[in-house]
Amino acid sequence: MKINAKQIALISVFSALQLIISRLPGIPIIGIAQGKIEPQLFLMPTLGMVLGPWLGGAAAFLGNFIAWLIPETTFYGMLMLPTIPIGTMVCGFLSRKSSKSIGS
């Protein structure tokens, strides 16, 4: 699979968008002391649906990796790096139209 210039531009733009959105403060959850909903979580399924599973996963990994490097680096944060790209890829695969349906 060759990646052309348009696909590289899409990966870089969506990675930068994810990085910017990851810096936004979370929406607080009423009733939980430290709980909040991160705005970044709304972008990940969108990446998978718009870019597809492979490009969306690459954009999610790159943006998540750069966001992990910026403030402070922890070992546990590094363990969570693959979860966002995997979720993006799953959403991308589930949103694709396939010629084979499960029931037929």
PDB file of N, CA and C in Angstrom:
ATOM      1  N   MET A   1       0.838  -1.174   0.000  1.00  0.00           N
ATOM      2  CA  MET A   1       0.000   0.000   0.000  1.00  0.00           C
ATOM      3  C   MET A   1       0.880   1.234   0.000  1.00  0.00           C
ATOM      4  N   LYS A   2       0.737   2.068  -1.012  1.00  0.00           N
ATOM      5  CA  LYS A   2       1.495   3.308  -1.094  1.00  0.00           C
ATOM      6  C   LYS A   2       0.673   4.443  -0.496  1.00  0.00           C
ATOM      7  N   ILE A   3       1.340   5.318   0.187  1.00  0.00           N
ATOM      8  CA  ILE A   3       0.685   6.493   0.756  1.00  0.00           C
ATOM      9  C   ILE A   3       1.065   7.690  -0.106  1.00  0.00           C
ATOM     10  N   ASN A   4       0.060   8.393  -0.624  1.00  0.00           N
ATOM     11  CA  ASN A   4       0.343   9.552  -1.459  1.00  0.00           C
ATOM     12  C   ASN A   4       0.369  10.828  -0.615  1.00  0.00           C
ATOM     13  N   ALA A   5       0.624  11.958  -1.264  1.00  0.00           N
ATOM     14  CA  ALA A   5       0.785  13.227  -0.554  1.00  0.00           C
ATOM     15  C   ALA A   5      -0.514  13.674   0.114  1.00  0.00           C
ATOM     16  N   LYS A   6      -1.642  13.395  -0.508  1.00  0.00           N
ATOM     17  CA  LYS A   6      -2.932  13.784   0.079  1.00  0.00           C
ATOM     18  C   LYS A   6      -3.170  13.028   1.385  1.00  0.00           C
ATOM     19  N   GLN A   7      -2.855  11.747   1.417  1.00  0.00           N
ATOM     20  CA  GLN A   7      -3.045  10.956   2.617  1.00  0.00           C
ATOM     21  C   GLN A   7      -2.101  11.407   3.736  1.00  0.00           C
ATOM     22  N   ILE A   8      -0.878  11.765   3.408  1.00  0.00           N
ATOM     23  CA  ILE A   8       0.059  12.278   4.407  1.00  0.00           C
ATOM     24  C   ILE A   8      -0.452  13.598   4.974  1.00  0.00           C
ATOM     25  N   ALA A   9      -0.992  14.455   4.105  1.00  0.00           N
ATOM     26  CA  ALA A   9      -1.548  15.724   4.570  1.00  0.00           C
ATOM     27  C   ALA A   9      -2.746  15.493   5.485  1.00  0.00           C
ATOM     28  N   LEU A  10      -3.611  14.538   5.145  1.00  0.00           N
ATOM     29  CA  LEU A  10      -4.761  14.240   6.002  1.00  0.00           C
ATOM     30  C   LEU A  10      -4.327  13.703   7.359  1.00  0.00           C
ATOM     31  N   ILE A  11      -3.341  12.822   7.371  1.00  0.00           N
ATOM     32  CA  ILE A  11      -2.833  12.289   8.632  1.00  0.00           C
ATOM     33  C   ILE A  11      -2.263  13.413   9.491  1.00  0.00           C
ATOM     34  N   SER A  12      -1.486  14.309   8.896  1.00  0.00           N
ATOM     35  CA  SER A  12      -0.867  15.375   9.679  1.00  0.00           C
ATOM     36  C   SER A  12      -1.890  16.386  10.181  1.00  0.00           C
ATOM     37  N   VAL A  13      -2.887  16.722   9.368  1.00  0.00           N
ATOM     38  CA  VAL A  13      -3.909  17.682   9.803  1.00  0.00           C
ATOM     39  C   VAL A  13      -4.750  17.102  10.937  1.00  0.00           C
ATOM     40  N   PHE A  14      -5.182  15.855  10.806  1.00  0.00           N
ATOM     41  CA  PHE A  14      -5.996  15.255  11.851  1.00  0.00           C
ATOM     42  C   PHE A  14      -5.179  14.946  13.111  1.00  0.00           C
ATOM     43  N   SER A  15      -3.901  14.662  12.967  1.00  0.00           N
ATOM     44  CA  SER A  15      -3.041  14.494  14.146  1.00  0.00           C
ATOM     45  C   SER A  15      -2.909  15.811  14.902  1.00  0.00           C
ATOM     46  N   ALA A  16      -2.733  16.894  14.161  1.00  0.00           N
ATOM     47  CA  ALA A  16      -2.645  18.208  14.804  1.00  0.00           C
ATOM     48  C   ALA A  16      -3.977  18.578  15.457  1.00  0.00           C
ATOM     49  N   LEU A  17      -5.091  18.252  14.813  1.00  0.00           N
ATOM     50  CA  LEU A  17      -6.405  18.520  15.400  1.00  0.00           C
ATOM     51  C   LEU A  17      -6.584  17.736  16.695  1.00  0.00           C
ATOM     52  N   GLN A  18      -6.165  16.487  16.699  1.00  0.00           N
ATOM     53  CA  GLN A  18      -6.263  15.681  17.909  1.00  0.00           C
ATOM     54  C   GLN A  18      -5.379  16.253  19.010  1.00  0.00           C
ATOM     55  N   LEU A  19      -4.193  16.705  18.661  1.00  0.00           N
ATOM     56  CA  LEU A  19      -3.291  17.289  19.650  1.00  0.00           C
ATOM     57  C   LEU A  19      -3.901  18.540  20.271  1.00  0.00           C
ATOM     58  N   ILE A  20      -4.501  19.390  19.456  1.00  0.00           N
ATOM     59  CA  ILE A  20      -5.124  20.622  19.968  1.00  0.00           C
ATOM     60  C   ILE A  20      -6.317  20.291  20.849  1.00  0.00           C
ATOM     61  N   ILE A  21      -7.145  19.355  20.422  1.00  0.00           N
ATOM     62  CA  ILE A  21      -8.331  18.999  21.199  1.00  0.00           C
ATOM     63  C   ILE A  21      -7.937  18.298  22.500  1.00  0.00           C
ATOM     64  N   SER A  22      -6.836  17.577  22.503  1.00  0.00           N
ATOM     65  CA  SER A  22      -6.419  16.895  23.735  1.00  0.00           C
ATOM     66  C   SER A  22      -5.961  17.877  24.810  1.00  0.00           C
ATOM     67  N   ARG A  23      -5.638  19.088  24.450  1.00  0.00           N
ATOM     68  CA  ARG A  23      -5.223  20.112  25.409  1.00  0.00           C
ATOM     69  C   ARG A  23      -6.417  20.832  26.040  1.00  0.00           C
ATOM     70  N   LEU A  24      -7.634  20.628  25.521  1.00  0.00           N
ATOM     71  CA  LEU A  24      -8.820  21.274  26.086  1.00  0.00           C
ATOM     72  C   LEU A  24      -9.181  20.641  27.425  1.00  0.00           C
ATOM     73  N   PRO A  25      -9.752  21.436  28.347  1.00  0.00           N
ATOM     74  CA  PRO A  25     -10.154  20.843  29.629  1.00  0.00           C
ATOM     75  C   PRO A  25     -11.355  19.926  29.438  1.00  0.00           C
ATOM     76  N   GLY A  26     -11.448  18.928  30.264  1.00  0.00           N
ATOM     77  CA  GLY A  26     -12.531  17.964  30.167  1.00  0.00           C
ATOM     78  C   GLY A  26     -13.839  18.526  30.702  1.00  0.00           C
ATOM     79  N   ILE A  27     -14.948  17.893  30.319  1.00  0.00           N
ATOM     80  CA  ILE A  27     -16.274  18.248  30.810  1.00  0.00           C
ATOM     81  C   ILE A  27     -16.459  17.528  32.139  1.00  0.00           C
ATOM     82  N   PRO A  28     -16.691  18.270  33.242  1.00  0.00           N
ATOM     83  CA  PRO A  28     -16.786  17.590  34.544  1.00  0.00           C
ATOM     84  C   PRO A  28     -18.038  16.730  34.648  1.00  0.00           C
ATOM     85  N   ILE A  29     -17.895  15.618  35.355  1.00  0.00           N
ATOM     86  CA  ILE A  29     -19.013  14.717  35.619  1.00  0.00           C
ATOM     87  C   ILE A  29     -19.517  15.022  37.024  1.00  0.00           C
ATOM     88  N   ILE A  30     -20.790  15.333  37.104  1.00  0.00           N
ATOM     89  CA  ILE A  30     -21.372  15.683  38.395  1.00  0.00           C
ATOM     90  C   ILE A  30     -21.487  14.413  39.246  1.00  0.00           C
ATOM     91  N   GLY A  31     -21.021  14.495  40.481  1.00  0.00           N
ATOM     92  CA  GLY A  31     -21.114  13.367  41.393  1.00  0.00           C
ATOM     93  C   GLY A  31     -19.823  12.585  41.545  1.00  0.00           C
ATOM     94  N   ILE A  32     -18.852  12.826  40.680  1.00  0.00           N
ATOM     95  CA  ILE A  32     -17.560  12.150  40.782  1.00  0.00           C
ATOM     96  C   ILE A  32     -16.504  13.220  40.993  1.00  0.00           C
ATOM     97  N   ALA A  33     -15.669  13.048  42.001  1.00  0.00           N
ATOM     98  CA  ALA A  33     -14.730  14.090  42.403  1.00  0.00           C
ATOM     99  C   ALA A  33     -13.744  14.459  41.289  1.00  0.00           C
ATOM    100  N   GLN A  34     -13.068  13.498  40.722  1.00  0.00           N
ATOM    101  CA  GLN A  34     -12.038  13.775  39.727  1.00  0.00           C
ATOM    102  C   GLN A  34     -12.465  13.391  38.317  1.00  0.00           C
ATOM    103  N   GLY A  35     -13.733  13.038  38.123  1.00  0.00           N
ATOM    104  CA  GLY A  35     -14.166  12.532  36.826  1.00  0.00           C
ATOM    105  C   GLY A  35     -14.405  13.631  35.810  1.00  0.00           C
ATOM    106  N   LYS A  36     -14.011  13.375  34.574  1.00  0.00           N
ATOM    107  CA  LYS A  36     -14.287  14.295  33.482  1.00  0.00           C
ATOM    108  C   LYS A  36     -14.295  13.534  32.162  1.00  0.00           C
ATOM    109  N   ILE A  37     -15.049  14.057  31.220  1.00  0.00           N
ATOM    110  CA  ILE A  37     -15.122  13.477  29.880  1.00  0.00           C
ATOM    111  C   ILE A  37     -14.187  14.277  28.987  1.00  0.00           C
ATOM    112  N   GLU A  38     -13.244  13.607  28.381  1.00  0.00           N
ATOM    113  CA  GLU A  38     -12.268  14.282  27.531  1.00  0.00           C
ATOM    114  C   GLU A  38     -12.868  14.538  26.144  1.00  0.00           C
ATOM    115  N   PRO A  39     -12.740  15.762  25.604  1.00  0.00           N
ATOM    116  CA  PRO A  39     -13.259  16.056  24.257  1.00  0.00           C
ATOM    117  C   PRO A  39     -12.569  15.253  23.163  1.00  0.00           C
ATOM    118  N   GLN A  40     -11.370  14.789  23.452  1.00  0.00           N
ATOM    119  CA  GLN A  40     -10.608  13.994  22.491  1.00  0.00           C
ATOM    120  C   GLN A  40     -11.336  12.691  22.147  1.00  0.00           C
ATOM    121  N   LEU A  41     -12.106  12.167  23.079  1.00  0.00           N
ATOM    122  CA  LEU A  41     -12.788  10.897  22.858  1.00  0.00           C
ATOM    123  C   LEU A  41     -13.875  10.989  21.800  1.00  0.00           C
ATOM    124  N   PHE A  42     -14.403  12.177  21.561  1.00  0.00           N
ATOM    125  CA  PHE A  42     -15.407  12.344  20.512  1.00  0.00           C
ATOM    126  C   PHE A  42     -14.778  12.371  19.124  1.00  0.00           C
ATOM    127  N   LEU A  43     -13.498  12.719  19.053  1.00  0.00           N
ATOM    128  CA  LEU A  43     -12.814  12.822  17.767  1.00  0.00           C
ATOM    129  C   LEU A  43     -12.357  11.465  17.237  1.00  0.00           C
ATOM    130  N   MET A  44     -12.033  10.527  18.106  1.00  0.00           N
ATOM    131  CA  MET A  44     -11.448   9.260  17.670  1.00  0.00           C
ATOM    132  C   MET A  44     -12.374   8.441  16.761  1.00  0.00           C
ATOM    133  N   PRO A  45     -13.656   8.250  17.109  1.00  0.00           N
ATOM    134  CA  PRO A  45     -14.510   7.522  16.168  1.00  0.00           C
ATOM    135  C   PRO A  45     -14.687   8.266  14.851  1.00  0.00           C
ATOM    136  N   THR A  46     -14.679   9.583  14.922  1.00  0.00           N
ATOM    137  CA  THR A  46     -14.805  10.385  13.703  1.00  0.00           C
ATOM    138  C   THR A  46     -13.599  10.173  12.791  1.00  0.00           C
ATOM    139  N   LEU A  47     -12.424  10.094  13.376  1.00  0.00           N
ATOM    140  CA  LEU A  47     -11.225   9.817  12.577  1.00  0.00           C
ATOM    141  C   LEU A  47     -11.343   8.488  11.845  1.00  0.00           C
ATOM    142  N   GLY A  48     -11.815   7.478  12.542  1.00  0.00           N
ATOM    143  CA  GLY A  48     -11.953   6.166  11.924  1.00  0.00           C
ATOM    144  C   GLY A  48     -12.978   6.160  10.803  1.00  0.00           C
ATOM    145  N   MET A  49     -14.076   6.896  10.987  1.00  0.00           N
ATOM    146  CA  MET A  49     -15.117   6.920   9.955  1.00  0.00           C
ATOM    147  C   MET A  49     -14.735   7.775   8.759  1.00  0.00           C
ATOM    148  N   VAL A  50     -14.054   8.887   8.988  1.00  0.00           N
ATOM    149  CA  VAL A  50     -13.712   9.802   7.895  1.00  0.00           C
ATOM    150  C   VAL A  50     -12.496   9.321   7.112  1.00  0.00           C
ATOM    151  N   LEU A  51     -11.439   8.959   7.810  1.00  0.00           N
ATOM    152  CA  LEU A  51     -10.197   8.585   7.135  1.00  0.00           C
ATOM    153  C   LEU A  51     -10.092   7.099   6.816  1.00  0.00           C
ATOM    154  N   GLY A  52     -10.895   6.303   7.466  1.00  0.00           N
ATOM    155  CA  GLY A  52     -10.777   4.862   7.294  1.00  0.00           C
ATOM    156  C   GLY A  52      -9.935   4.284   8.413  1.00  0.00           C
ATOM    157  N   PRO A  53      -9.884   2.961   8.495  1.00  0.00           N
ATOM    158  CA  PRO A  53      -9.203   2.351   9.637  1.00  0.00           C
ATOM    159  C   PRO A  53      -7.695   2.568   9.658  1.00  0.00           C
ATOM    160  N   TRP A  54      -7.027   2.485   8.519  1.00  0.00           N
ATOM    161  CA  TRP A  54      -5.567   2.541   8.524  1.00  0.00           C
ATOM    162  C   TRP A  54      -5.064   3.963   8.653  1.00  0.00           C
ATOM    163  N   LEU A  55      -5.589   4.886   7.857  1.00  0.00           N
ATOM    164  CA  LEU A  55      -5.147   6.274   7.960  1.00  0.00           C
ATOM    165  C   LEU A  55      -5.616   6.898   9.264  1.00  0.00           C
ATOM    166  N   GLY A  56      -6.825   6.566   9.692  1.00  0.00           N
ATOM    167  CA  GLY A  56      -7.332   7.069  10.966  1.00  0.00           C
ATOM    168  C   GLY A  56      -6.509   6.559  12.131  1.00  0.00           C
ATOM    169  N   GLY A  57      -6.135   5.280  12.085  1.00  0.00           N
ATOM    170  CA  GLY A  57      -5.286   4.717  13.135  1.00  0.00           C
ATOM    171  C   GLY A  57      -3.914   5.370  13.171  1.00  0.00           C
ATOM    172  N   ALA A  58      -3.351   5.654  11.990  1.00  0.00           N
ATOM    173  CA  ALA A  58      -2.047   6.318  11.941  1.00  0.00           C
ATOM    174  C   ALA A  58      -2.140   7.741  12.490  1.00  0.00           C
ATOM    175  N   ALA A  59      -3.201   8.458  12.120  1.00  0.00           N
ATOM    176  CA  ALA A  59      -3.381   9.826  12.616  1.00  0.00           C
ATOM    177  C   ALA A  59      -3.613   9.823  14.124  1.00  0.00           C
ATOM    178  N   ALA A  60      -4.404   8.864  14.615  1.00  0.00           N
ATOM    179  CA  ALA A  60      -4.672   8.776  16.049  1.00  0.00           C
ATOM    180  C   ALA A  60      -3.400   8.440  16.821  1.00  0.00           C
ATOM    181  N   PHE A  61      -2.589   7.522  16.306  1.00  0.00           N
ATOM    182  CA  PHE A  61      -1.355   7.167  16.996  1.00  0.00           C
ATOM    183  C   PHE A  61      -0.375   8.335  17.025  1.00  0.00           C
ATOM    184  N   LEU A  62      -0.215   9.013  15.897  1.00  0.00           N
ATOM    185  CA  LEU A  62       0.730  10.125  15.838  1.00  0.00           C
ATOM    186  C   LEU A  62       0.294  11.262  16.760  1.00  0.00           C
ATOM    187  N   GLY A  63      -0.978  11.632  16.712  1.00  0.00           N
ATOM    188  CA  GLY A  63      -1.468  12.695  17.587  1.00  0.00           C
ATOM    189  C   GLY A  63      -1.401  12.318  19.051  1.00  0.00           C
ATOM    190  N   ASN A  64      -1.733  11.067  19.366  1.00  0.00           N
ATOM    191  CA  ASN A  64      -1.685  10.598  20.748  1.00  0.00           C
ATOM    192  C   ASN A  64      -0.243  10.535  21.248  1.00  0.00           C
ATOM    193  N   PHE A  65       0.683  10.125  20.411  1.00  0.00           N
ATOM    194  CA  PHE A  65       2.085  10.050  20.799  1.00  0.00           C
ATOM    195  C   PHE A  65       2.654  11.434  21.090  1.00  0.00           C
ATOM    196  N   ILE A  66       2.355  12.399  20.236  1.00  0.00           N
ATOM    197  CA  ILE A  66       2.846  13.760  20.449  1.00  0.00           C
ATOM    198  C   ILE A  66       2.194  14.369  21.682  1.00  0.00           C
ATOM    199  N   ALA A  67       0.897  14.117  21.890  1.00  0.00           N
ATOM    200  CA  ALA A  67       0.213  14.624  23.087  1.00  0.00           C
ATOM    201  C   ALA A  67       0.790  13.993  24.354  1.00  0.00           C
ATOM    202  N   TRP A  68       1.241  12.757  24.269  1.00  0.00           N
ATOM    203  CA  TRP A  68       1.851  12.087  25.421  1.00  0.00           C
ATOM    204  C   TRP A  68       3.218  12.696  25.742  1.00  0.00           C
ATOM    205  N   LEU A  69       3.959  13.125  24.728  1.00  0.00           N
ATOM    206  CA  LEU A  69       5.290  13.675  24.939  1.00  0.00           C
ATOM    207  C   LEU A  69       5.280  15.078  25.545  1.00  0.00           C
ATOM    208  N   ILE A  70       4.252  15.858  25.257  1.00  0.00           N
ATOM    209  CA  ILE A  70       4.296  17.282  25.602  1.00  0.00           C
ATOM    210  C   ILE A  70       4.308  17.563  27.107  1.00  0.00           C
ATOM    211  N   PRO A  71       3.261  17.227  27.892  1.00  0.00           N
ATOM    212  CA  PRO A  71       3.295  17.745  29.273  1.00  0.00           C
ATOM    213  C   PRO A  71       4.281  17.009  30.169  1.00  0.00           C
ATOM    214  N   GLU A  72       3.982  15.811  30.528  1.00  0.00           N
ATOM    215  CA  GLU A  72       4.879  15.002  31.340  1.00  0.00           C
ATOM    216  C   GLU A  72       4.779  13.565  30.852  1.00  0.00           C
ATOM    217  N   THR A  73       5.866  12.861  30.924  1.00  0.00           N
ATOM    218  CA  THR A  73       5.918  11.508  30.410  1.00  0.00           C
ATOM    219  C   THR A  73       5.901  10.533  31.578  1.00  0.00           C
ATOM    220  N   THR A  74       4.948   9.613  31.538  1.00  0.00           N
ATOM    221  CA  THR A  74       4.893   8.566  32.554  1.00  0.00           C
ATOM    222  C   THR A  74       4.889   7.211  31.871  1.00  0.00           C
ATOM    223  N   PHE A  75       5.279   6.210  32.607  1.00  0.00           N
ATOM    224  CA  PHE A  75       5.287   4.856  32.061  1.00  0.00           C
ATOM    225  C   PHE A  75       3.870   4.374  31.798  1.00  0.00           C
ATOM    226  N   TYR A  76       2.945   4.704  32.694  1.00  0.00           N
ATOM    227  CA  TYR A  76       1.558   4.262  32.518  1.00  0.00           C
ATOM    228  C   TYR A  76       0.901   4.959  31.330  1.00  0.00           C
ATOM    229  N   GLY A  77       1.295   6.184  31.071  1.00  0.00           N
ATOM    230  CA  GLY A  77       0.805   6.870  29.876  1.00  0.00           C
ATOM    231  C   GLY A  77       1.281   6.198  28.599  1.00  0.00           C
ATOM    232  N   MET A  78       2.500   5.677  28.638  1.00  0.00           N
ATOM    233  CA  MET A  78       3.030   4.974  27.475  1.00  0.00           C
ATOM    234  C   MET A  78       2.267   3.673  27.225  1.00  0.00           C
ATOM    235  N   LEU A  79       1.829   3.020  28.289  1.00  0.00           N
ATOM    236  CA  LEU A  79       1.056   1.790  28.123  1.00  0.00           C
ATOM    237  C   LEU A  79      -0.310   2.047  27.491  1.00  0.00           C
ATOM    238  N   MET A  80      -0.822   3.269  27.632  1.00  0.00           N
ATOM    239  CA  MET A  80      -2.128   3.604  27.074  1.00  0.00           C
ATOM    240  C   MET A  80      -2.038   4.108  25.632  1.00  0.00           C
ATOM    241  N   LEU A  81      -0.843   4.277  25.098  1.00  0.00           N
ATOM    242  CA  LEU A  81      -0.681   4.794  23.734  1.00  0.00           C
ATOM    243  C   LEU A  81      -1.414   3.973  22.668  1.00  0.00           C
ATOM    244  N   PRO A  82      -1.367   2.651  22.676  1.00  0.00           N
ATOM    245  CA  PRO A  82      -2.023   1.918  21.590  1.00  0.00           C
ATOM    246  C   PRO A  82      -3.543   1.842  21.696  1.00  0.00           C
ATOM    247  N   THR A  83      -4.128   2.224  22.816  1.00  0.00           N
ATOM    248  CA  THR A  83      -5.577   2.044  22.955  1.00  0.00           C
ATOM    249  C   THR A  83      -6.376   2.951  22.035  1.00  0.00           C
ATOM    250  N   ILE A  84      -5.960   4.192  21.871  1.00  0.00           N
ATOM    251  CA  ILE A  84      -6.714   5.121  21.012  1.00  0.00           C
ATOM    252  C   ILE A  84      -6.616   4.719  19.543  1.00  0.00           C
ATOM    253  N   PRO A  85      -5.437   4.393  18.997  1.00  0.00           N
ATOM    254  CA  PRO A  85      -5.413   3.944  17.604  1.00  0.00           C
ATOM    255  C   PRO A  85      -6.189   2.649  17.365  1.00  0.00           C
ATOM    256  N   ILE A  86      -6.165   1.735  18.323  1.00  0.00           N
ATOM    257  CA  ILE A  86      -6.918   0.485  18.154  1.00  0.00           C
ATOM    258  C   ILE A  86      -8.410   0.782  18.119  1.00  0.00           C
ATOM    259  N   GLY A  87      -8.879   1.648  19.009  1.00  0.00           N
ATOM    260  CA  GLY A  87     -10.287   2.029  19.006  1.00  0.00           C
ATOM    261  C   GLY A  87     -10.688   2.747  17.730  1.00  0.00           C
ATOM    262  N   THR A  88      -9.805   3.587  17.216  1.00  0.00           N
ATOM    263  CA  THR A  88     -10.070   4.284  15.957  1.00  0.00           C
ATOM    264  C   THR A  88     -10.138   3.305  14.792  1.00  0.00           C
ATOM    265  N   MET A  89      -9.240   2.340  14.777  1.00  0.00           N
ATOM    266  CA  MET A  89      -9.250   1.354  13.699  1.00  0.00           C
ATOM    267  C   MET A  89     -10.497   0.475  13.758  1.00  0.00           C
ATOM    268  N   VAL A  90     -10.912   0.088  14.959  1.00  0.00           N
ATOM    269  CA  VAL A  90     -12.125  -0.724  15.100  1.00  0.00           C
ATOM    270  C   VAL A  90     -13.332   0.048  14.596  1.00  0.00           C
ATOM    271  N   CYS A  91     -13.423   1.316  14.958  1.00  0.00           N
ATOM    272  CA  CYS A  91     -14.538   2.136  14.483  1.00  0.00           C
ATOM    273  C   CYS A  91     -14.488   2.304  12.966  1.00  0.00           C
ATOM    274  N   GLY A  92     -13.291   2.451  12.413  1.00  0.00           N
ATOM    275  CA  GLY A  92     -13.153   2.552  10.964  1.00  0.00           C
ATOM    276  C   GLY A  92     -13.579   1.279  10.252  1.00  0.00           C
ATOM    277  N   PHE A  93     -13.207   0.127  10.800  1.00  0.00           N
ATOM    278  CA  PHE A  93     -13.617  -1.141  10.195  1.00  0.00           C
ATOM    279  C   PHE A  93     -15.119  -1.367  10.320  1.00  0.00           C
ATOM    280  N   LEU A  94     -15.694  -0.991  11.458  1.00  0.00           N
ATOM    281  CA  LEU A  94     -17.132  -1.193  11.651  1.00  0.00           C
ATOM    282  C   LEU A  94     -17.984  -0.264  10.797  1.00  0.00           C
ATOM    283  N   SER A  95     -17.446   0.890  10.434  1.00  0.00           N
ATOM    284  CA  SER A  95     -18.238   1.834   9.644  1.00  0.00           C
ATOM    285  C   SER A  95     -18.104   1.616   8.135  1.00  0.00           C
ATOM    286  N   ARG A  96     -17.245   0.708   7.726  1.00  0.00           N
ATOM    287  CA  ARG A  96     -17.085   0.425   6.296  1.00  0.00           C
ATOM    288  C   ARG A  96     -18.244  -0.383   5.766  1.00  0.00           C
ATOM    289  N   LYS A  97     -18.547  -0.168   4.505  1.00  0.00           N
ATOM    290  CA  LYS A  97     -19.519  -1.021   3.817  1.00  0.00           C
ATOM    291  C   LYS A  97     -18.771  -2.219   3.283  1.00  0.00           C
ATOM    292  N   SER A  98     -19.269  -3.390   3.571  1.00  0.00           N
ATOM    293  CA  SER A  98     -18.613  -4.582   3.057  1.00  0.00           C
ATOM    294  C   SER A  98     -19.554  -5.311   2.110  1.00  0.00           C
ATOM    295  N   SER A  99     -18.990  -6.044   1.196  1.00  0.00           N
ATOM    296  CA  SER A  99     -19.811  -6.795   0.247  1.00  0.00           C
ATOM    297  C   SER A  99     -20.380  -8.047   0.875  1.00  0.00           C
ATOM    298  N   LYS A 100     -19.765  -8.509   1.953  1.00  0.00           N
ATOM    299  CA  LYS A 100     -20.253  -9.703   2.628  1.00  0.00           C
ATOM    300  C   LYS A 100     -21.043  -9.290   3.870  1.00  0.00           C
ATOM    301  N   SER A 101     -22.229  -9.755   3.994  1.00  0.00           N
ATOM    302  CA  SER A 101     -22.981  -9.477   5.214  1.00  0.00           C
ATOM    303  C   SER A 101     -22.950 -10.731   6.102  1.00  0.00           C
ATOM    304  N   ILE A 102     -23.165 -10.535   7.350  1.00  0.00           N
ATOM    305  CA  ILE A 102     -23.051 -11.640   8.301  1.00  0.00           C
ATOM    306  C   ILE A 102     -24.176 -12.643   8.104  1.00  0.00           C
ATOM    307  N   GLY A 103     -25.379 -12.155   7.789  1.00  0.00           N
ATOM    308  CA  GLY A 103     -26.518 -13.051   7.714  1.00  0.00           C
ATOM    309  C   GLY A 103     -26.629 -13.859   6.422  1.00  0.00           C
ATOM    310  N   SER A 104     -25.881 -13.527   5.397  1.00  0.00           N
ATOM    311  CA  SER A 104     -26.067 -14.264   4.129  1.00  0.00           C
ATOM    312  C   SER A 104     -24.999 -15.241   3.819  1.00  0.00           C
TER     313      SER A 104
END
